[in-house]
Amino acid sequence: MCSWPTIYTELQSIFQYIYNVLTDHHIEEDPSSPSDDNDNLLKRLDNKLVLEACKLLDVILLLKPEEFQLSDWLFISNTTDSVYRETSLPVLGLIEKIGNLRSLRIGSMKSVIRVSATVGTNNNLKKPLLLGVKKIDQVFELKDFFDKLAIFNYENHYSMRDYDEKSIQDDAFSDLFD
């Protein structure tokens, strides 16, 4: 029995929910303003679930299982559009739509988890962007991830490097058992 349709459907529903919460008119106006409405809307997001969904998508895109490649466009651009985007073209991927939200840019001025493809890359193996990230307090901390995932995926696809299996396993076990 194939579980990929369930996986990408659940990921899609999580990211669509994040997008819907962030595009609510109160947050879109100014997410940094200390209003009760903004707090209530942001409390609707389970930060642990958001982080784990992002980490799962990050790893799946890095490993590139054949069954998932047909659906990755739901989340990110998988063409040169991810690097050389024409402003006249609509953004289709949910992750890129979230990354383009004004509310994510304003709300993320406080603290952002900086992601980099070169973090700890002394052995020239590909590693997930969110490797080692254990906790977020708000979705705004993932701004850098939402902004860079499509480009990171595109560059990894053509880098001809293998992925760091040990780092991925260690991070997954750490998430499960710590």
C-alpha atoms as a PDB file:
ATOM      1  CA  MET A   1       0.000   0.000   0.000  1.00  0.00           C
ATOM      2  CA  CYS A   2       1.404   3.384  -1.039  1.00  0.00           C
ATOM      3  CA  SER A   3       1.392   6.096   1.630  1.00  0.00           C
ATOM      4  CA  TRP A   4       2.749   8.971  -0.493  1.00  0.00           C
ATOM      5  CA  PRO A   5      -0.664  10.412  -1.388  1.00  0.00           C
ATOM      6  CA  THR A   6      -1.471  10.592   2.322  1.00  0.00           C
ATOM      7  CA  ILE A   7       1.872  12.226   3.131  1.00  0.00           C
ATOM      8  CA  TYR A   8       1.691  14.984   0.549  1.00  0.00           C
ATOM      9  CA  THR A   9      -2.023  15.549   1.174  1.00  0.00           C
ATOM     10  CA  GLU A  10      -1.398  16.040   4.901  1.00  0.00           C
ATOM     11  CA  LEU A  11       1.600  18.283   4.247  1.00  0.00           C
ATOM     12  CA  GLN A  12      -0.446  20.293   1.791  1.00  0.00           C
ATOM     13  CA  SER A  13      -3.286  20.733   4.287  1.00  0.00           C
ATOM     14  CA  ILE A  14      -0.867  21.858   7.027  1.00  0.00           C
ATOM     15  CA  PHE A  15       0.833  24.431   4.805  1.00  0.00           C
ATOM     16  CA  GLN A  16      -2.496  25.612   3.398  1.00  0.00           C
ATOM     17  CA  TYR A  17      -3.723  26.129   6.968  1.00  0.00           C
ATOM     18  CA  ILE A  18      -0.582  28.138   7.809  1.00  0.00           C
ATOM     19  CA  TYR A  19      -1.123  30.232   4.687  1.00  0.00           C
ATOM     20  CA  ASN A  20      -4.779  30.816   5.571  1.00  0.00           C
ATOM     21  CA  VAL A  21      -3.975  31.863   9.145  1.00  0.00           C
ATOM     22  CA  LEU A  22      -1.236  34.246   8.010  1.00  0.00           C
ATOM     23  CA  THR A  23      -3.385  35.807   5.303  1.00  0.00           C
ATOM     24  CA  ASP A  24      -6.201  36.588   7.692  1.00  0.00           C
ATOM     25  CA  HIS A  25      -6.748  40.333   7.361  1.00  0.00           C
ATOM     26  CA  HIS A  26      -5.728  41.143  10.945  1.00  0.00           C
ATOM     27  CA  ILE A  27      -2.319  39.526  10.690  1.00  0.00           C
ATOM     28  CA  GLU A  28      -1.722  40.715   7.131  1.00  0.00           C
ATOM     29  CA  GLU A  29      -2.157  44.338   8.208  1.00  0.00           C
ATOM     30  CA  ASP A  30       0.513  44.265  10.912  1.00  0.00           C
ATOM     31  CA  PRO A  31       1.463  41.015  12.628  1.00  0.00           C
ATOM     32  CA  SER A  32       3.849  42.752  15.002  1.00  0.00           C
ATOM     33  CA  SER A  33       1.129  44.854  16.597  1.00  0.00           C
ATOM     34  CA  PRO A  34       0.185  43.553  20.030  1.00  0.00           C
ATOM     35  CA  SER A  35      -3.495  42.879  19.410  1.00  0.00           C
ATOM     36  CA  ASP A  36      -5.524  40.106  20.985  1.00  0.00           C
ATOM     37  CA  ASP A  37      -6.842  39.122  17.549  1.00  0.00           C
ATOM     38  CA  ASN A  38      -3.321  38.514  16.245  1.00  0.00           C
ATOM     39  CA  ASP A  39      -2.419  36.519  19.351  1.00  0.00           C
ATOM     40  CA  ASN A  40      -5.535  34.374  19.023  1.00  0.00           C
ATOM     41  CA  LEU A  41      -4.893  33.700  15.341  1.00  0.00           C
ATOM     42  CA  LEU A  42      -1.270  32.775  15.953  1.00  0.00           C
ATOM     43  CA  LYS A  43      -2.284  30.495  18.836  1.00  0.00           C
ATOM     44  CA  ARG A  44      -4.297  28.493  16.313  1.00  0.00           C
ATOM     45  CA  LEU A  45      -0.967  27.354  14.873  1.00  0.00           C
ATOM     46  CA  ASP A  46       0.680  24.431  16.632  1.00  0.00           C
ATOM     47  CA  ASN A  47       4.317  25.519  16.410  1.00  0.00           C
ATOM     48  CA  LYS A  48       5.665  22.019  16.978  1.00  0.00           C
ATOM     49  CA  LEU A  49       3.480  20.660  14.167  1.00  0.00           C
ATOM     50  CA  VAL A  50       4.550  23.513  11.873  1.00  0.00           C
ATOM     51  CA  LEU A  51       8.235  22.840  12.566  1.00  0.00           C
ATOM     52  CA  GLU A  52       7.915  19.081  12.107  1.00  0.00           C
ATOM     53  CA  ALA A  53       5.993  19.518   8.830  1.00  0.00           C
ATOM     54  CA  CYS A  54       8.717  21.860   7.579  1.00  0.00           C
ATOM     55  CA  LYS A  55      11.445  19.435   8.649  1.00  0.00           C
ATOM     56  CA  LEU A  56       9.678  16.515   6.969  1.00  0.00           C
ATOM     57  CA  LEU A  57       9.290  18.429   3.705  1.00  0.00           C
ATOM     58  CA  ASP A  58      12.917  19.569   3.969  1.00  0.00           C
ATOM     59  CA  VAL A  59      14.154  15.968   4.253  1.00  0.00           C
ATOM     60  CA  ILE A  60      11.812  14.595   1.582  1.00  0.00           C
ATOM     61  CA  LEU A  61      12.976  17.227  -0.903  1.00  0.00           C
ATOM     62  CA  LEU A  62      16.590  16.444  -0.053  1.00  0.00           C
ATOM     63  CA  LEU A  63      16.197  12.673  -0.468  1.00  0.00           C
ATOM     64  CA  LYS A  64      14.049  13.054  -3.610  1.00  0.00           C
ATOM     65  CA  PRO A  65      12.069   9.801  -3.518  1.00  0.00           C
ATOM     66  CA  GLU A  66      10.682   9.122  -6.972  1.00  0.00           C
ATOM     67  CA  GLU A  67       7.114   8.826  -5.668  1.00  0.00           C
ATOM     68  CA  PHE A  68       7.205  12.358  -4.240  1.00  0.00           C
ATOM     69  CA  GLN A  69       8.870  14.124  -7.162  1.00  0.00           C
ATOM     70  CA  LEU A  70       5.624  14.221  -9.116  1.00  0.00           C
ATOM     71  CA  SER A  71       4.029  16.274  -6.336  1.00  0.00           C
ATOM     72  CA  ASP A  72       6.836  18.560  -5.170  1.00  0.00           C
ATOM     73  CA  TRP A  73       5.468  21.401  -7.326  1.00  0.00           C
ATOM     74  CA  LEU A  74       2.598  21.688  -4.823  1.00  0.00           C
ATOM     75  CA  PHE A  75       5.123  23.059  -2.335  1.00  0.00           C
ATOM     76  CA  ILE A  76       7.947  24.698  -4.321  1.00  0.00           C
ATOM     77  CA  SER A  77       8.984  25.588  -7.841  1.00  0.00           C
ATOM     78  CA  ASN A  78      11.136  22.784  -9.155  1.00  0.00           C
ATOM     79  CA  THR A  79      12.398  24.630 -12.225  1.00  0.00           C
ATOM     80  CA  THR A  80      14.672  27.586 -12.874  1.00  0.00           C
ATOM     81  CA  ASP A  81      11.733  29.746 -11.753  1.00  0.00           C
ATOM     82  CA  SER A  82      12.872  29.084  -8.191  1.00  0.00           C
ATOM     83  CA  VAL A  83      16.079  31.022  -8.892  1.00  0.00           C
ATOM     84  CA  TYR A  84      15.172  33.323 -11.779  1.00  0.00           C
ATOM     85  CA  ARG A  85      11.542  34.160 -11.081  1.00  0.00           C
ATOM     86  CA  GLU A  86       9.681  36.409 -13.467  1.00  0.00           C
ATOM     87  CA  THR A  87       7.540  38.776 -11.437  1.00  0.00           C
ATOM     88  CA  SER A  88       4.678  38.460 -13.908  1.00  0.00           C
ATOM     89  CA  LEU A  89       4.298  34.723 -13.246  1.00  0.00           C
ATOM     90  CA  PRO A  90       2.097  33.588 -10.357  1.00  0.00           C
ATOM     91  CA  VAL A  91       3.639  31.692  -7.463  1.00  0.00           C
ATOM     92  CA  LEU A  92       2.178  28.179  -7.297  1.00  0.00           C
ATOM     93  CA  GLY A  93       4.067  26.451  -4.484  1.00  0.00           C
ATOM     94  CA  LEU A  94       2.572  26.783  -1.008  1.00  0.00           C
ATOM     95  CA  ILE A  95       5.962  27.258   0.667  1.00  0.00           C
ATOM     96  CA  GLU A  96       6.818  30.079  -1.711  1.00  0.00           C
ATOM     97  CA  LYS A  97       3.385  31.653  -1.199  1.00  0.00           C
ATOM     98  CA  ILE A  98       3.971  31.617   2.556  1.00  0.00           C
ATOM     99  CA  GLY A  99       7.467  33.062   2.066  1.00  0.00           C
ATOM    100  CA  ASN A 100       6.064  35.922  -0.036  1.00  0.00           C
ATOM    101  CA  LEU A 101       3.510  37.016   2.556  1.00  0.00           C
ATOM    102  CA  ARG A 102       3.973  40.530   3.867  1.00  0.00           C
ATOM    103  CA  SER A 103       2.933  39.368   7.328  1.00  0.00           C
ATOM    104  CA  LEU A 104       5.777  36.841   7.443  1.00  0.00           C
ATOM    105  CA  ARG A 105       8.291  39.557   6.567  1.00  0.00           C
ATOM    106  CA  ILE A 106       7.039  42.043   9.170  1.00  0.00           C
ATOM    107  CA  GLY A 107       6.505  39.504  11.922  1.00  0.00           C
ATOM    108  CA  SER A 108       9.914  37.938  11.473  1.00  0.00           C
ATOM    109  CA  MET A 109      11.932  40.988  12.439  1.00  0.00           C
ATOM    110  CA  LYS A 110      12.276  39.746  16.009  1.00  0.00           C
ATOM    111  CA  SER A 111      13.990  36.390  15.724  1.00  0.00           C
ATOM    112  CA  VAL A 112      14.602  34.290  12.670  1.00  0.00           C
ATOM    113  CA  ILE A 113      16.200  30.873  12.468  1.00  0.00           C
ATOM    114  CA  ARG A 114      18.959  31.365   9.919  1.00  0.00           C
ATOM    115  CA  VAL A 115      19.181  28.466   7.535  1.00  0.00           C
ATOM    116  CA  SER A 116      22.133  27.744   5.336  1.00  0.00           C
ATOM    117  CA  ALA A 117      23.056  24.957   2.987  1.00  0.00           C
ATOM    118  CA  THR A 118      26.640  25.211   4.202  1.00  0.00           C
ATOM    119  CA  VAL A 119      26.049  24.766   7.933  1.00  0.00           C
ATOM    120  CA  GLY A 120      28.361  21.994   9.062  1.00  0.00           C
ATOM    121  CA  THR A 121      29.122  20.965   5.491  1.00  0.00           C
ATOM    122  CA  ASN A 122      32.721  20.001   5.994  1.00  0.00           C
ATOM    123  CA  ASN A 123      32.288  16.658   4.237  1.00  0.00           C
ATOM    124  CA  ASN A 124      30.596  18.091   1.104  1.00  0.00           C
ATOM    125  CA  LEU A 125      27.368  16.136   1.679  1.00  0.00           C
ATOM    126  CA  LYS A 126      23.890  17.647   1.387  1.00  0.00           C
ATOM    127  CA  LYS A 127      22.080  18.339   4.653  1.00  0.00           C
ATOM    128  CA  PRO A 128      18.572  19.617   5.412  1.00  0.00           C
ATOM    129  CA  LEU A 129      18.137  23.341   5.998  1.00  0.00           C
ATOM    130  CA  LEU A 130      16.455  22.761   9.373  1.00  0.00           C
ATOM    131  CA  LEU A 131      19.024  20.271  10.651  1.00  0.00           C
ATOM    132  CA  GLY A 132      19.299  20.610  14.425  1.00  0.00           C
ATOM    133  CA  VAL A 133      16.333  22.971  14.865  1.00  0.00           C
ATOM    134  CA  LYS A 134      14.341  21.719  17.852  1.00  0.00           C
ATOM    135  CA  LYS A 135      11.783  24.392  18.662  1.00  0.00           C
ATOM    136  CA  ILE A 136      10.118  27.531  17.368  1.00  0.00           C
ATOM    137  CA  ASP A 137       8.022  30.002  19.331  1.00  0.00           C
ATOM    138  CA  GLN A 138       6.290  31.505  16.290  1.00  0.00           C
ATOM    139  CA  VAL A 139       5.960  30.612  12.622  1.00  0.00           C
ATOM    140  CA  PHE A 140       7.755  33.874  11.768  1.00  0.00           C
ATOM    141  CA  GLU A 141      11.036  32.298  12.882  1.00  0.00           C
ATOM    142  CA  LEU A 142      10.880  30.063   9.784  1.00  0.00           C
ATOM    143  CA  LYS A 143      10.890  33.005   7.342  1.00  0.00           C
ATOM    144  CA  ASP A 144      14.373  32.135   6.094  1.00  0.00           C
ATOM    145  CA  PHE A 145      13.311  28.527   5.485  1.00  0.00           C
ATOM    146  CA  PHE A 146      10.227  29.549   3.504  1.00  0.00           C
ATOM    147  CA  ASP A 147      12.317  31.996   1.472  1.00  0.00           C
ATOM    148  CA  LYS A 148      15.184  29.645   0.633  1.00  0.00           C
ATOM    149  CA  LEU A 149      13.721  26.149   0.306  1.00  0.00           C
ATOM    150  CA  ALA A 150      12.984  26.316  -3.439  1.00  0.00           C
ATOM    151  CA  ILE A 151      16.422  27.694  -4.303  1.00  0.00           C
ATOM    152  CA  PHE A 152      18.105  25.215  -1.962  1.00  0.00           C
ATOM    153  CA  ASN A 153      16.192  22.357  -3.600  1.00  0.00           C
ATOM    154  CA  TYR A 154      17.084  23.532  -7.110  1.00  0.00           C
ATOM    155  CA  GLU A 155      20.782  23.898  -6.265  1.00  0.00           C
ATOM    156  CA  ASN A 156      20.869  20.515  -4.530  1.00  0.00           C
ATOM    157  CA  HIS A 157      19.308  18.836  -7.527  1.00  0.00           C
ATOM    158  CA  TYR A 158      22.153  19.947  -9.778  1.00  0.00           C
ATOM    159  CA  SER A 159      25.003  19.752  -7.256  1.00  0.00           C
ATOM    160  CA  MET A 160      25.592  16.043  -7.935  1.00  0.00           C
ATOM    161  CA  ARG A 161      26.415  15.472  -4.260  1.00  0.00           C
ATOM    162  CA  ASP A 162      25.066  12.734  -2.061  1.00  0.00           C
ATOM    163  CA  TYR A 163      23.094  13.464   1.093  1.00  0.00           C
ATOM    164  CA  ASP A 164      24.439  13.047   4.632  1.00  0.00           C
ATOM    165  CA  GLU A 165      22.466  10.010   5.762  1.00  0.00           C
ATOM    166  CA  LYS A 166      23.967   9.953   9.261  1.00  0.00           C
ATOM    167  CA  SER A 167      23.083  13.591   9.996  1.00  0.00           C
ATOM    168  CA  ILE A 168      19.529  13.073   8.767  1.00  0.00           C
ATOM    169  CA  GLN A 169      19.085   9.946  10.904  1.00  0.00           C
ATOM    170  CA  ASP A 170      20.654  11.545  13.981  1.00  0.00           C
ATOM    171  CA  ASP A 171      18.389  14.587  13.663  1.00  0.00           C
ATOM    172  CA  ALA A 172      15.274  12.418  13.204  1.00  0.00           C
ATOM    173  CA  PHE A 173      16.143  10.284  16.247  1.00  0.00           C
ATOM    174  CA  SER A 174      16.881  13.415  18.256  1.00  0.00           C
ATOM    175  CA  ASP A 175      13.463  14.832  17.326  1.00  0.00           C
ATOM    176  CA  LEU A 176      11.766  11.592  18.342  1.00  0.00           C
ATOM    177  CA  PHE A 177      13.567  10.838  21.584  1.00  0.00           C
ATOM    178  CA  ASP A 178      14.706  14.163  23.068  1.00  0.00           C
END
